[in-house]
Amino acid sequence: MAIDINKVYKAVLVVLEQEKRGVLTPNEFNKIATQAQQEIFTQYFDDLNQLLGMPQTSLAYADRMALLDEKISIFKKNENVVLTNNVATPTESVQELGSVIYNSPTLGALGREAQRIQQYELFTTNQSPLTAPTPFYPVYIYEGNKITLHPDNLTGNNTTDKVIQLNYLYFPADPKWGFYVDTELGHYVYNELDSQDFEIHKSDQPLLIDKILGYAGVMTKDQFVMSLANGKEQQINANDQK
């Protein structure tokens, strides 16, 4: 599913050459590529928020929500983390925590999803018999990259009682077009072993190239149309306020 960074860089260089915009060095390209990928990745979630409030089609290939979920699912992962005194420390790959699943064969609590609460809510939560956490209805606090589960007697003596499953999103790795310099010709030569492809969905390759070209100073037809549309929208909003 990854987008080949070498193909993207070559496509960008071809357009820049046609537009007589000079050469985009690998280091400049890598910085722009990182920014472009991050913008597209962030846009996934903005688009998701908008689609949640819109009616969806039943046609599989026209289902925008399904396509968006496919794009986001690339970054969905899960991992098991060991509890020590009811505290677990996720690895650095955990960026957006989704759910915490607690399993205790000893206590008979299997596949229990812990509810997230804030630190200030813990006291009042424990005070009521209706809301007090139990092994069947555990809660957790996520602060300072540490997950603290409650109640305090949550973990038993069994090793499996001290492991929780985390479902989360990780952020795409920064793309990198690795290279070495040809000592005879002075050209940049692609080094696949020192490179990192784009991790966003393959269908976003045209948008990715378009964004990189925009940062490189080339306005494509799509960017021109978008610029006109934004200008027209601003004009309409200004007229409505008069």
Protein backbone atom coordinates (compact mmCIF):
# COMPACT_ATOMS: atom_id res chain seq x y z
CA MET A 1 0.00 0.00 0.00
CA ALA A 2 2.97 2.33 0.43
CA ILE A 3 3.69 5.02 -2.15
CA ASP A 4 7.11 4.66 -3.75
CA ILE A 5 9.07 7.77 -2.80
CA ASN A 6 11.43 7.38 -5.75
CA LYS A 7 8.54 7.52 -8.23
CA VAL A 8 7.12 10.60 -6.53
CA TYR A 9 10.47 12.40 -6.53
CA LYS A 10 11.01 11.61 -10.22
CA ALA A 11 7.52 12.87 -11.09
CA VAL A 12 8.15 16.10 -9.20
CA LEU A 13 11.51 16.64 -10.91
CA VAL A 14 9.97 16.13 -14.35
CA VAL A 15 7.32 18.79 -13.73
CA LEU A 16 9.86 21.20 -12.25
CA GLU A 17 12.06 20.75 -15.31
CA GLN A 18 9.15 21.38 -17.67
CA GLU A 19 8.20 24.51 -15.75
CA LYS A 20 11.85 25.62 -15.63
CA ARG A 21 11.71 25.93 -11.84
CA GLY A 22 15.22 24.60 -11.19
CA VAL A 23 16.20 21.55 -9.17
CA LEU A 24 14.66 20.43 -5.89
CA THR A 25 17.48 18.87 -3.85
CA PRO A 26 16.83 15.62 -1.93
CA ASN A 27 17.05 17.39 1.42
CA GLU A 28 14.54 20.04 0.31
CA PHE A 29 12.27 17.35 -1.14
CA ASN A 30 12.35 15.31 2.08
CA LYS A 31 11.28 18.29 4.19
CA ILE A 32 8.44 19.20 1.83
CA ALA A 33 7.39 15.55 1.48
CA THR A 34 7.11 15.19 5.26
CA GLN A 35 4.88 18.26 5.48
CA ALA A 36 2.69 17.14 2.55
CA GLN A 37 2.18 13.63 3.97
CA GLN A 38 1.31 14.99 7.40
CA GLU A 39 -1.28 17.36 5.91
CA ILE A 40 -2.96 14.55 3.99
CA PHE A 41 -2.93 12.28 7.05
CA THR A 42 -4.49 14.99 9.23
CA GLN A 43 -7.10 15.68 6.56
CA TYR A 44 -8.35 12.09 6.91
CA PHE A 45 -9.81 12.93 10.31
CA ASP A 46 -11.24 16.29 9.23
CA ASP A 47 -12.98 14.51 6.35
CA LEU A 48 -14.23 11.80 8.73
CA ASN A 49 -15.85 14.39 11.00
CA GLN A 50 -17.65 15.90 8.01
CA LEU A 51 -18.80 12.54 6.63
CA LEU A 52 -20.24 11.46 9.98
CA GLY A 53 -22.92 14.11 9.55
CA MET A 54 -23.75 13.23 5.93
CA PRO A 55 -26.00 10.49 4.47
CA GLN A 56 -24.03 7.55 3.09
CA THR A 57 -24.61 5.63 -0.13
CA SER A 58 -25.17 1.88 -0.12
CA LEU A 59 -22.99 1.40 -3.21
CA ALA A 60 -19.73 -0.20 -2.08
CA TYR A 61 -17.45 1.55 -4.57
CA ALA A 62 -19.05 4.93 -3.94
CA ASP A 63 -18.98 4.69 -0.15
CA ARG A 64 -16.70 7.55 0.88
CA MET A 65 -16.83 6.49 4.52
CA ALA A 66 -15.57 3.00 3.64
CA LEU A 67 -12.73 4.43 1.55
CA LEU A 68 -11.75 6.81 4.32
CA ASP A 69 -11.81 4.01 6.87
CA GLU A 70 -9.57 1.99 4.55
CA LYS A 71 -7.10 4.87 4.48
CA ILE A 72 -7.11 5.26 8.27
CA SER A 73 -6.96 1.51 8.92
CA ILE A 74 -3.39 1.49 7.58
CA PHE A 75 -2.37 3.18 10.81
CA LYS A 76 -4.42 1.04 13.19
CA LYS A 77 -2.39 -1.28 15.42
CA ASN A 78 -2.63 -3.16 18.67
CA GLU A 79 -0.06 -4.33 21.17
CA ASN A 80 0.08 -6.08 24.52
CA VAL A 81 1.58 -4.18 27.43
CA VAL A 82 2.54 -5.59 30.82
CA LEU A 83 0.97 -4.10 33.95
CA THR A 84 3.17 -3.36 36.94
CA ASN A 85 1.21 -2.38 40.03
CA ASN A 86 -1.75 -1.53 37.77
CA VAL A 87 0.41 0.78 35.62
CA ALA A 88 1.42 0.21 31.98
CA THR A 89 3.71 2.29 29.76
CA PRO A 90 2.86 2.16 26.04
CA THR A 91 5.65 2.07 23.48
CA GLU A 92 6.60 5.18 21.53
CA SER A 93 4.59 4.01 18.50
CA VAL A 94 1.31 4.72 20.34
CA GLN A 95 0.23 8.17 19.15
CA GLU A 96 -3.57 8.21 19.48
CA LEU A 97 -4.88 5.73 22.04
CA GLY A 98 -8.14 4.11 20.96
CA SER A 99 -9.16 1.46 23.50
CA VAL A 100 -7.73 -0.52 26.41
CA ILE A 101 -8.81 -4.16 26.70
CA TYR A 102 -8.34 -5.97 30.01
CA ASN A 103 -8.26 -9.78 30.30
CA SER A 104 -8.20 -11.69 33.57
CA PRO A 105 -8.72 -15.46 33.34
CA THR A 106 -8.23 -15.69 37.11
CA LEU A 107 -11.04 -13.24 37.86
CA GLY A 108 -13.21 -14.40 34.95
CA ALA A 109 -13.08 -10.98 33.27
CA LEU A 110 -12.26 -11.59 29.61
CA GLY A 111 -12.17 -8.94 26.92
CA ARG A 112 -13.36 -6.13 29.14
CA GLU A 113 -12.90 -2.68 27.62
CA ALA A 114 -11.76 -0.19 30.24
CA GLN A 115 -13.43 3.20 30.30
CA ARG A 116 -11.17 6.24 30.20
CA ILE A 117 -11.67 8.85 32.90
CA GLN A 118 -9.75 11.91 34.04
CA GLN A 119 -7.71 12.04 37.23
CA TYR A 120 -10.13 14.48 38.86
CA GLU A 121 -13.02 12.06 38.24
CA LEU A 122 -11.43 9.15 40.10
CA PHE A 123 -12.55 10.17 43.61
CA THR A 124 -16.23 10.66 42.73
CA THR A 125 -16.20 7.51 40.57
CA ASN A 126 -15.03 5.42 43.54
CA GLN A 127 -17.58 6.93 45.91
CA SER A 128 -20.69 5.49 44.28
CA PRO A 129 -21.41 1.74 44.25
CA LEU A 130 -22.96 2.21 40.82
CA THR A 131 -19.87 3.77 39.23
CA ALA A 132 -17.05 2.23 41.28
CA PRO A 133 -14.72 0.28 38.95
CA THR A 134 -14.56 -3.50 39.13
CA PRO A 135 -12.60 -6.15 37.19
CA PHE A 136 -15.69 -6.49 34.95
CA TYR A 137 -16.01 -2.72 34.50
CA PRO A 138 -12.49 -1.31 34.86
CA VAL A 139 -11.48 2.29 34.23
CA TYR A 140 -8.15 3.83 33.38
CA ILE A 141 -6.33 7.16 33.50
CA TYR A 142 -3.95 8.09 30.69
CA GLU A 143 -1.48 10.79 31.72
CA GLY A 144 2.23 11.31 31.13
CA ASN A 145 2.32 8.39 28.70
CA LYS A 146 1.26 6.03 31.50
CA ILE A 147 -1.94 4.01 31.77
CA THR A 148 -3.21 3.40 35.30
CA LEU A 149 -6.03 0.88 35.66
CA HIS A 150 -8.55 0.76 38.49
CA PRO A 151 -9.67 -0.85 40.78
CA ASP A 152 -6.42 -1.39 42.69
CA ASN A 153 -6.99 -5.17 43.01
CA LEU A 154 -7.34 -5.57 39.25
CA THR A 155 -4.31 -7.78 38.66
CA GLY A 156 -4.18 -11.29 40.06
CA ASN A 157 -1.25 -13.62 40.58
CA ASN A 158 -1.51 -15.13 37.10
CA THR A 159 0.86 -13.66 34.49
CA THR A 160 -1.98 -13.22 32.02
CA ASP A 161 -3.73 -10.97 34.54
CA LYS A 162 -0.94 -8.45 34.13
CA VAL A 163 -1.26 -7.80 30.39
CA ILE A 164 -3.59 -5.39 28.61
CA GLN A 165 -4.22 -4.94 24.91
CA LEU A 166 -3.97 -1.44 23.46
CA ASN A 167 -5.69 -0.50 20.22
CA TYR A 168 -4.26 2.70 18.80
CA LEU A 169 -3.24 4.80 15.81
CA TYR A 170 0.36 5.53 14.93
CA PHE A 171 1.53 8.47 12.84
CA PRO A 172 3.16 7.85 9.44
CA ALA A 173 6.95 7.79 9.46
CA ASP A 174 8.69 10.75 7.87
CA PRO A 175 9.40 9.96 4.22
CA LYS A 176 13.00 10.00 3.07
CA TRP A 177 14.60 9.84 -0.36
CA GLY A 178 17.96 8.38 0.56
CA PHE A 179 20.90 8.97 -1.75
CA TYR A 180 24.62 9.08 -2.29
CA VAL A 181 26.58 11.35 -4.62
CA ASP A 182 28.21 9.93 -7.74
CA THR A 183 31.87 10.92 -7.31
CA GLU A 184 32.47 11.14 -11.06
CA LEU A 185 29.35 12.94 -12.29
CA GLY A 186 28.27 14.61 -9.04
CA HIS A 187 24.69 13.32 -9.46
CA TYR A 188 22.37 12.27 -6.68
CA VAL A 189 21.88 8.49 -6.85
CA TYR A 190 18.85 6.88 -5.19
CA ASN A 191 19.67 4.59 -2.25
CA GLU A 192 16.71 2.33 -1.52
CA LEU A 193 18.28 0.94 1.67
CA ASP A 194 18.45 4.41 3.20
CA SER A 195 14.95 5.47 2.11
CA GLN A 196 11.48 5.54 3.64
CA ASP A 197 8.41 5.35 1.39
CA PHE A 198 5.24 7.34 2.03
CA GLU A 199 2.84 5.40 4.25
CA ILE A 200 -0.44 7.05 3.26
CA HIS A 201 -2.94 5.32 0.95
CA LYS A 202 -1.84 4.74 -2.64
CA SER A 203 -4.90 6.54 -4.00
CA ASP A 204 -3.53 9.78 -2.55
CA GLN A 205 -0.40 9.75 -4.73
CA PRO A 206 -1.72 12.41 -7.18
CA LEU A 207 -2.71 14.65 -4.27
CA LEU A 208 0.69 14.09 -2.68
CA ILE A 209 2.57 15.11 -5.83
CA ASP A 210 0.26 18.09 -6.23
CA LYS A 211 1.00 19.31 -2.70
CA ILE A 212 4.76 18.89 -3.09
CA LEU A 213 4.70 20.83 -6.35
CA GLY A 214 2.73 23.57 -4.64
CA TYR A 215 5.41 23.96 -1.97
CA ALA A 216 8.03 23.93 -4.75
CA GLY A 217 6.32 26.90 -6.41
CA VAL A 218 4.39 25.17 -9.19
CA MET A 219 0.63 25.78 -9.29
CA THR A 220 -1.08 22.85 -11.01
CA LYS A 221 -4.53 23.02 -12.61
CA ASP A 222 -6.12 21.48 -9.52
CA GLN A 223 -4.47 24.06 -7.29
CA PHE A 224 -5.55 26.86 -9.62
CA VAL A 225 -9.17 25.67 -9.57
CA MET A 226 -9.06 25.36 -5.79
CA SER A 227 -7.61 28.85 -5.49
CA LEU A 228 -10.44 30.27 -7.64
CA ALA A 229 -13.04 28.35 -5.62
CA ASN A 230 -11.66 29.64 -2.31
CA GLY A 231 -11.58 33.18 -3.66
CA LYS A 232 -15.18 32.91 -4.87
CA GLU A 233 -16.29 31.52 -1.51
CA GLN A 234 -14.63 34.39 0.34
CA GLN A 235 -16.33 36.86 -1.99
CA ILE A 236 -19.74 35.28 -1.36
CA ASN A 237 -19.20 35.36 2.40
CA ALA A 238 -18.14 39.01 2.22
CA ASN A 239 -21.28 39.90 0.21
CA ASP A 240 -23.49 38.05 2.69
CA GLN A 241 -22.10 40.13 5.54
CA LYS A 242 -22.97 43.45 3.85
